């Protein structure tokens, strides 16, 4: 499968600039269609309000959300001027139905490009956009760093492998990018001793990838740093990786929000784009 339908959800200009530019470059490179959804959030919560104030407050919030969406739509249209096969739409999503509303926008896309949550210019809704797509659609996400350049296909890719369902899903959905890479590093950090694949860790995945024309090399790393994300980031820097492919949220979102985890850590620290799937 190729990526012929790309999508971007824009919630603010500062955080939306990087994924919008990257999506434009990727759409031109892949001859794909790009759907851009400029979202204004209706803050109405429908709590008990004085009878005379209820209508005015609700209408005011909706009007502000519509104005915000139109403003973002004008900005994105200007940014994408001259790009073929682009659709820019202003959308209002209610606060109470934020996650399902965002997910519905992108459910038919092949790939969604998102801003890097927790980055310097990230808006408050970036985490919501990322998690709504991952958990609500099954669509893979390409998390774009501010300095990302996607006019050319990544040449060296790091594929983080821990034998989980999420990692296997990411590997399968990243095949169009893996096939065009000159080298793919399948990286495992301290494979579990009880694994049924302990005699040849990563071997079955490398064989699957080779049948799709992907040249992959398995690297087994010791956990010499406190966090898995630190080991992956250091390997990516040392090898000059252009892209990291990994499964997302093998632990629950609540656990990662409270205690941390590889997904959250990589989203905070990644210096290259992240291809994620759940």
Protein backbone atom coordinates (compact mmCIF):
# COMPACT_ATOMS: atom_id res chain seq x y z
CA UNK A 1 0.00 0.00 0.00
CA UNK A 2 1.16 3.51 -0.78
CA UNK A 3 0.23 6.68 1.08
CA UNK A 4 -2.24 8.27 -1.32
CA UNK A 5 -4.43 10.06 1.21
CA UNK A 6 -2.66 12.26 3.76
CA UNK A 7 -4.30 14.29 6.51
CA UNK A 8 -3.31 17.07 8.89
CA UNK A 9 -5.35 18.49 11.77
CA UNK A 10 -4.42 22.11 12.47
CA UNK A 11 -5.37 23.57 15.85
CA UNK A 12 -2.98 26.54 15.95
CA UNK A 13 -0.51 28.21 13.62
CA UNK A 14 2.66 27.74 15.67
CA UNK A 15 2.22 24.01 16.13
CA UNK A 16 0.66 23.44 12.72
CA UNK A 17 3.43 24.96 10.60
CA UNK A 18 5.81 21.97 10.70
CA UNK A 19 3.30 19.18 9.93
CA UNK A 20 1.66 21.30 7.24
CA UNK A 21 4.97 21.92 5.45
CA UNK A 22 5.98 18.27 5.83
CA UNK A 23 2.61 17.06 4.54
CA UNK A 24 2.91 19.37 1.53
CA UNK A 25 6.36 17.96 0.70
CA UNK A 26 5.23 14.36 1.21
CA UNK A 27 2.08 14.85 -0.90
CA UNK A 28 4.17 16.21 -3.77
CA UNK A 29 6.69 13.39 -3.42
CA UNK A 30 4.07 10.63 -3.28
CA UNK A 31 1.61 12.24 -5.70
CA UNK A 32 -0.94 12.02 -2.89
CA UNK A 33 -4.04 13.98 -1.93
CA UNK A 34 -3.79 16.13 1.19
CA UNK A 35 -6.77 16.86 3.44
CA UNK A 36 -6.26 19.67 5.96
CA UNK A 37 -8.78 20.12 8.78
CA UNK A 38 -8.60 23.46 10.58
CA UNK A 39 -10.25 22.93 13.93
CA UNK A 40 -11.93 25.34 16.27
CA UNK A 41 -13.03 23.84 19.59
CA UNK A 42 -16.47 24.74 20.93
CA UNK A 43 -15.90 25.06 24.70
CA UNK A 44 -19.55 24.61 25.67
CA UNK A 45 -19.94 22.09 28.48
CA UNK A 46 -23.69 22.44 28.98
CA UNK A 47 -23.44 22.91 32.72
CA UNK A 48 -26.36 24.45 34.67
CA UNK A 49 -26.46 28.15 33.83
CA UNK A 50 -28.80 31.03 34.64
CA UNK A 51 -31.70 30.97 32.22
CA UNK A 52 -30.95 34.36 30.75
CA UNK A 53 -27.24 33.68 30.24
CA UNK A 54 -27.29 30.14 28.84
CA UNK A 55 -28.10 30.94 25.22
CA UNK A 56 -25.73 33.90 25.03
CA UNK A 57 -22.80 31.94 26.50
CA UNK A 58 -23.33 28.93 24.26
CA UNK A 59 -23.70 31.02 21.11
CA UNK A 60 -20.65 33.11 21.99
CA UNK A 61 -18.46 30.01 22.40
CA UNK A 62 -19.66 28.52 19.12
CA UNK A 63 -19.10 31.81 17.25
CA UNK A 64 -15.54 32.05 18.58
CA UNK A 65 -14.82 28.44 17.52
CA UNK A 66 -16.14 29.12 14.02
CA UNK A 67 -14.06 32.28 13.71
CA UNK A 68 -10.98 30.42 14.91
CA UNK A 69 -11.50 27.62 12.38
CA UNK A 70 -11.98 30.11 9.51
CA UNK A 71 -8.84 32.01 10.53
CA UNK A 72 -6.79 28.80 10.49
CA UNK A 73 -8.38 27.80 7.19
CA UNK A 74 -7.30 31.09 5.56
CA UNK A 75 -3.78 30.67 6.95
CA UNK A 76 -3.43 27.07 5.73
CA UNK A 77 -4.84 27.92 2.30
CA UNK A 78 -2.21 30.63 1.90
CA UNK A 79 0.56 28.26 3.01
CA UNK A 80 -0.51 25.61 0.49
CA UNK A 81 -1.18 27.92 -2.45
CA UNK A 82 -0.31 26.26 -5.73
CA UNK A 83 -0.17 22.72 -4.31
CA UNK A 84 -2.30 20.28 -6.32
CA UNK A 85 -4.84 17.87 -4.80
CA UNK A 86 -5.30 19.78 -1.56
CA UNK A 87 -8.53 20.21 0.40
CA UNK A 88 -8.69 22.68 3.29
CA UNK A 89 -11.76 22.61 5.52
CA UNK A 90 -12.81 24.62 8.58
CA UNK A 91 -14.32 22.36 11.25
CA UNK A 92 -15.84 23.00 14.68
CA UNK A 93 -15.49 20.16 17.21
CA UNK A 94 -17.27 20.25 20.59
CA UNK A 95 -15.06 20.01 23.67
CA UNK A 96 -17.25 17.23 25.07
CA UNK A 97 -16.70 15.08 21.97
CA UNK A 98 -13.15 16.12 21.19
CA UNK A 99 -11.48 12.72 20.77
CA UNK A 100 -14.19 11.03 18.64
CA UNK A 101 -14.65 14.24 16.67
CA UNK A 102 -10.97 14.47 15.77
CA UNK A 103 -10.78 10.76 14.99
CA UNK A 104 -13.72 10.91 12.59
CA UNK A 105 -11.96 13.56 10.50
CA UNK A 106 -9.02 11.27 9.70
CA UNK A 107 -10.49 7.76 9.72
CA UNK A 108 -10.11 7.34 5.92
CA UNK A 109 -6.57 8.69 5.63
CA UNK A 110 -3.58 6.46 4.90
CA UNK A 111 -1.28 8.57 7.05
CA UNK A 112 -1.82 11.49 9.44
CA UNK A 113 0.93 14.03 10.08
CA UNK A 114 1.03 15.60 13.53
CA UNK A 115 3.10 18.13 15.38
CA UNK A 116 5.48 16.89 18.05
CA UNK A 117 3.70 17.05 21.42
CA UNK A 118 5.65 18.65 24.25
CA UNK A 119 7.84 20.55 21.76
CA UNK A 120 8.55 24.25 22.23
CA UNK A 121 5.74 25.48 19.94
CA UNK A 122 3.29 22.65 20.63
CA UNK A 123 -0.24 23.77 21.39
CA UNK A 124 -2.41 22.33 24.17
CA UNK A 125 -4.37 20.16 21.74
CA UNK A 126 -1.43 18.36 20.10
CA UNK A 127 -1.55 15.39 22.48
CA UNK A 128 -5.32 15.10 21.96
CA UNK A 129 -4.89 15.05 18.18
CA UNK A 130 -2.18 12.38 18.31
CA UNK A 131 -4.04 10.10 20.70
CA UNK A 132 -7.40 10.54 18.97
CA UNK A 133 -5.90 9.35 15.69
CA UNK A 134 -3.91 6.46 17.18
CA UNK A 135 -6.70 5.09 19.37
CA UNK A 136 -9.73 6.11 17.34
CA UNK A 137 -8.81 5.23 13.77
CA UNK A 138 -5.96 2.69 13.57
CA UNK A 139 -4.32 5.07 11.09
CA UNK A 140 -0.55 5.48 11.49
CA UNK A 141 0.84 8.84 12.53
CA UNK A 142 3.98 10.61 11.39
CA UNK A 143 5.07 12.93 14.20
CA UNK A 144 7.00 15.77 12.63
CA UNK A 145 9.79 17.61 14.41
CA UNK A 146 10.06 21.37 13.77
CA UNK A 147 13.15 20.96 11.57
CA UNK A 148 11.88 17.94 9.60
CA UNK A 149 12.39 17.88 5.83
CA UNK A 150 10.35 15.31 3.88
CA UNK A 151 11.00 16.34 0.30
CA UNK A 152 13.19 13.21 0.02
CA UNK A 153 12.47 9.73 1.32
CA UNK A 154 14.34 8.74 4.52
CA UNK A 155 17.53 6.88 3.72
CA UNK A 156 18.24 5.22 7.06
CA UNK A 157 15.39 4.11 9.32
CA UNK A 158 15.46 2.85 12.90
CA UNK A 159 12.72 0.30 13.56
CA UNK A 160 12.26 -0.18 17.31
CA UNK A 161 11.29 -3.80 17.91
CA UNK A 162 10.09 -5.40 21.16
CA UNK A 163 7.95 -8.22 19.68
CA UNK A 164 4.74 -6.39 20.68
CA UNK A 165 1.57 -6.15 18.62
CA UNK A 166 1.98 -2.38 18.42
CA UNK A 167 5.54 -2.65 17.06
CA UNK A 168 4.47 -5.21 14.45
CA UNK A 169 1.58 -2.99 13.36
CA UNK A 170 3.98 -0.06 12.97
CA UNK A 171 6.40 -2.17 10.92
CA UNK A 172 3.64 -3.28 8.54
CA UNK A 173 2.14 0.17 8.12
CA UNK A 174 5.58 1.74 7.54
CA UNK A 175 6.44 -0.63 4.66
CA UNK A 176 6.15 2.07 1.94
CA UNK A 177 8.84 4.08 3.77
CA UNK A 178 10.95 1.05 4.68
CA UNK A 179 11.07 -0.19 1.08
CA UNK A 180 12.56 3.07 -0.17
CA UNK A 181 15.18 3.30 2.59
CA UNK A 182 18.72 2.24 1.76
CA UNK A 183 19.13 0.69 5.21
CA UNK A 184 16.80 -0.31 8.06
CA UNK A 185 18.11 -0.97 11.58
CA UNK A 186 15.88 -3.30 13.58
CA UNK A 187 16.82 -2.37 17.14
CA UNK A 188 16.01 -4.49 20.18
CA UNK A 189 16.95 -3.49 23.70
CA UNK A 190 17.58 -6.45 25.99
CA UNK A 191 15.19 -8.98 24.40
CA UNK A 192 13.19 -10.90 27.05
CA UNK A 193 14.80 -14.21 27.97
CA UNK A 194 11.42 -15.97 27.98
CA UNK A 195 10.58 -14.96 24.39
CA UNK A 196 9.78 -17.81 21.96
CA UNK A 197 12.14 -16.05 19.52
CA UNK A 198 15.06 -15.87 21.99
CA UNK A 199 17.28 -18.11 19.82
CA UNK A 200 17.10 -15.58 16.94
CA UNK A 201 15.74 -12.27 18.26
CA UNK A 202 14.39 -10.12 15.46
CA UNK A 203 15.06 -12.80 12.85
CA UNK A 204 11.44 -13.46 11.91
CA UNK A 205 10.75 -9.74 11.50
CA UNK A 206 13.85 -9.30 9.33
CA UNK A 207 12.69 -12.23 7.15
CA UNK A 208 9.21 -10.69 6.79
CA UNK A 209 10.75 -7.36 5.80
CA UNK A 210 13.12 -8.98 3.29
CA UNK A 211 10.15 -10.55 1.49
CA UNK A 212 8.92 -7.01 0.93
CA UNK A 213 12.23 -5.88 -0.48
CA UNK A 214 13.49 -4.26 2.73
CA UNK A 215 17.16 -4.64 3.62
CA UNK A 216 17.20 -4.85 7.43
CA UNK A 217 19.95 -5.47 9.96
CA UNK A 218 19.15 -6.51 13.53
CA UNK A 219 21.01 -4.81 16.39
CA UNK A 220 20.71 -6.05 19.98
CA UNK A 221 21.50 -3.35 22.52
CA UNK A 222 22.14 -3.54 26.24
CA UNK A 223 20.12 -1.15 28.34
CA UNK A 224 23.03 1.03 29.39
CA UNK A 225 20.90 4.12 30.03
CA UNK A 226 17.98 4.64 32.42
CA UNK A 227 15.29 4.88 29.75
CA UNK A 228 14.60 2.89 26.59
CA UNK A 229 14.06 6.18 24.75
CA UNK A 230 17.61 7.29 25.66
CA UNK A 231 19.08 4.13 24.11
CA UNK A 232 17.02 4.52 20.94
CA UNK A 233 17.82 8.21 20.59
CA UNK A 234 21.54 7.63 21.02
CA UNK A 235 21.52 4.84 18.43
CA UNK A 236 19.62 7.08 16.01
CA UNK A 237 22.16 9.88 16.46
CA UNK A 238 25.15 7.56 16.11
CA UNK A 239 23.82 5.94 12.93
CA UNK A 240 22.38 9.09 11.38
CA UNK A 241 18.81 7.77 11.25
CA UNK A 242 16.33 9.92 9.34
CA UNK A 243 13.23 8.30 10.82
CA UNK A 244 12.23 6.18 13.82
CA UNK A 245 9.41 3.63 13.45
CA UNK A 246 7.84 2.32 16.64
CA UNK A 247 4.65 1.04 18.20
CA UNK A 248 2.80 3.54 20.36
CA UNK A 249 1.29 3.17 23.82
CA UNK A 250 2.03 -0.45 24.62
CA UNK A 251 1.10 0.66 28.14
CA UNK A 252 -2.11 2.54 28.90
CA UNK A 253 -2.28 6.29 28.31
CA UNK A 254 -2.95 6.84 32.01
CA UNK A 255 0.11 4.88 33.04
CA UNK A 256 2.33 6.73 30.57
CA UNK A 257 0.90 10.10 31.64
CA UNK A 258 1.57 9.38 35.32
CA UNK A 259 4.71 7.24 35.25
CA UNK A 260 6.17 7.85 31.81
CA UNK A 261 6.98 5.26 29.16
CA UNK A 262 8.82 4.82 25.85
CA UNK A 263 6.06 6.50 23.80
CA UNK A 264 5.84 9.63 25.92
CA UNK A 265 9.61 9.79 26.36
CA UNK A 266 10.26 9.54 22.60
CA UNK A 267 7.62 12.18 21.86
CA UNK A 268 9.44 14.53 24.21
CA UNK A 269 13.01 13.84 23.11
CA UNK A 270 12.97 12.73 19.48
CA UNK A 271 15.23 14.70 17.18
CA UNK A 272 13.92 13.04 14.01
CA UNK A 273 10.38 12.29 12.77
CA UNK A 274 8.55 9.41 14.47
CA UNK A 275 6.31 6.97 12.61
CA UNK A 276 3.89 5.53 15.17
CA UNK A 277 1.03 3.04 15.12
CA UNK A 278 -1.11 1.46 17.80
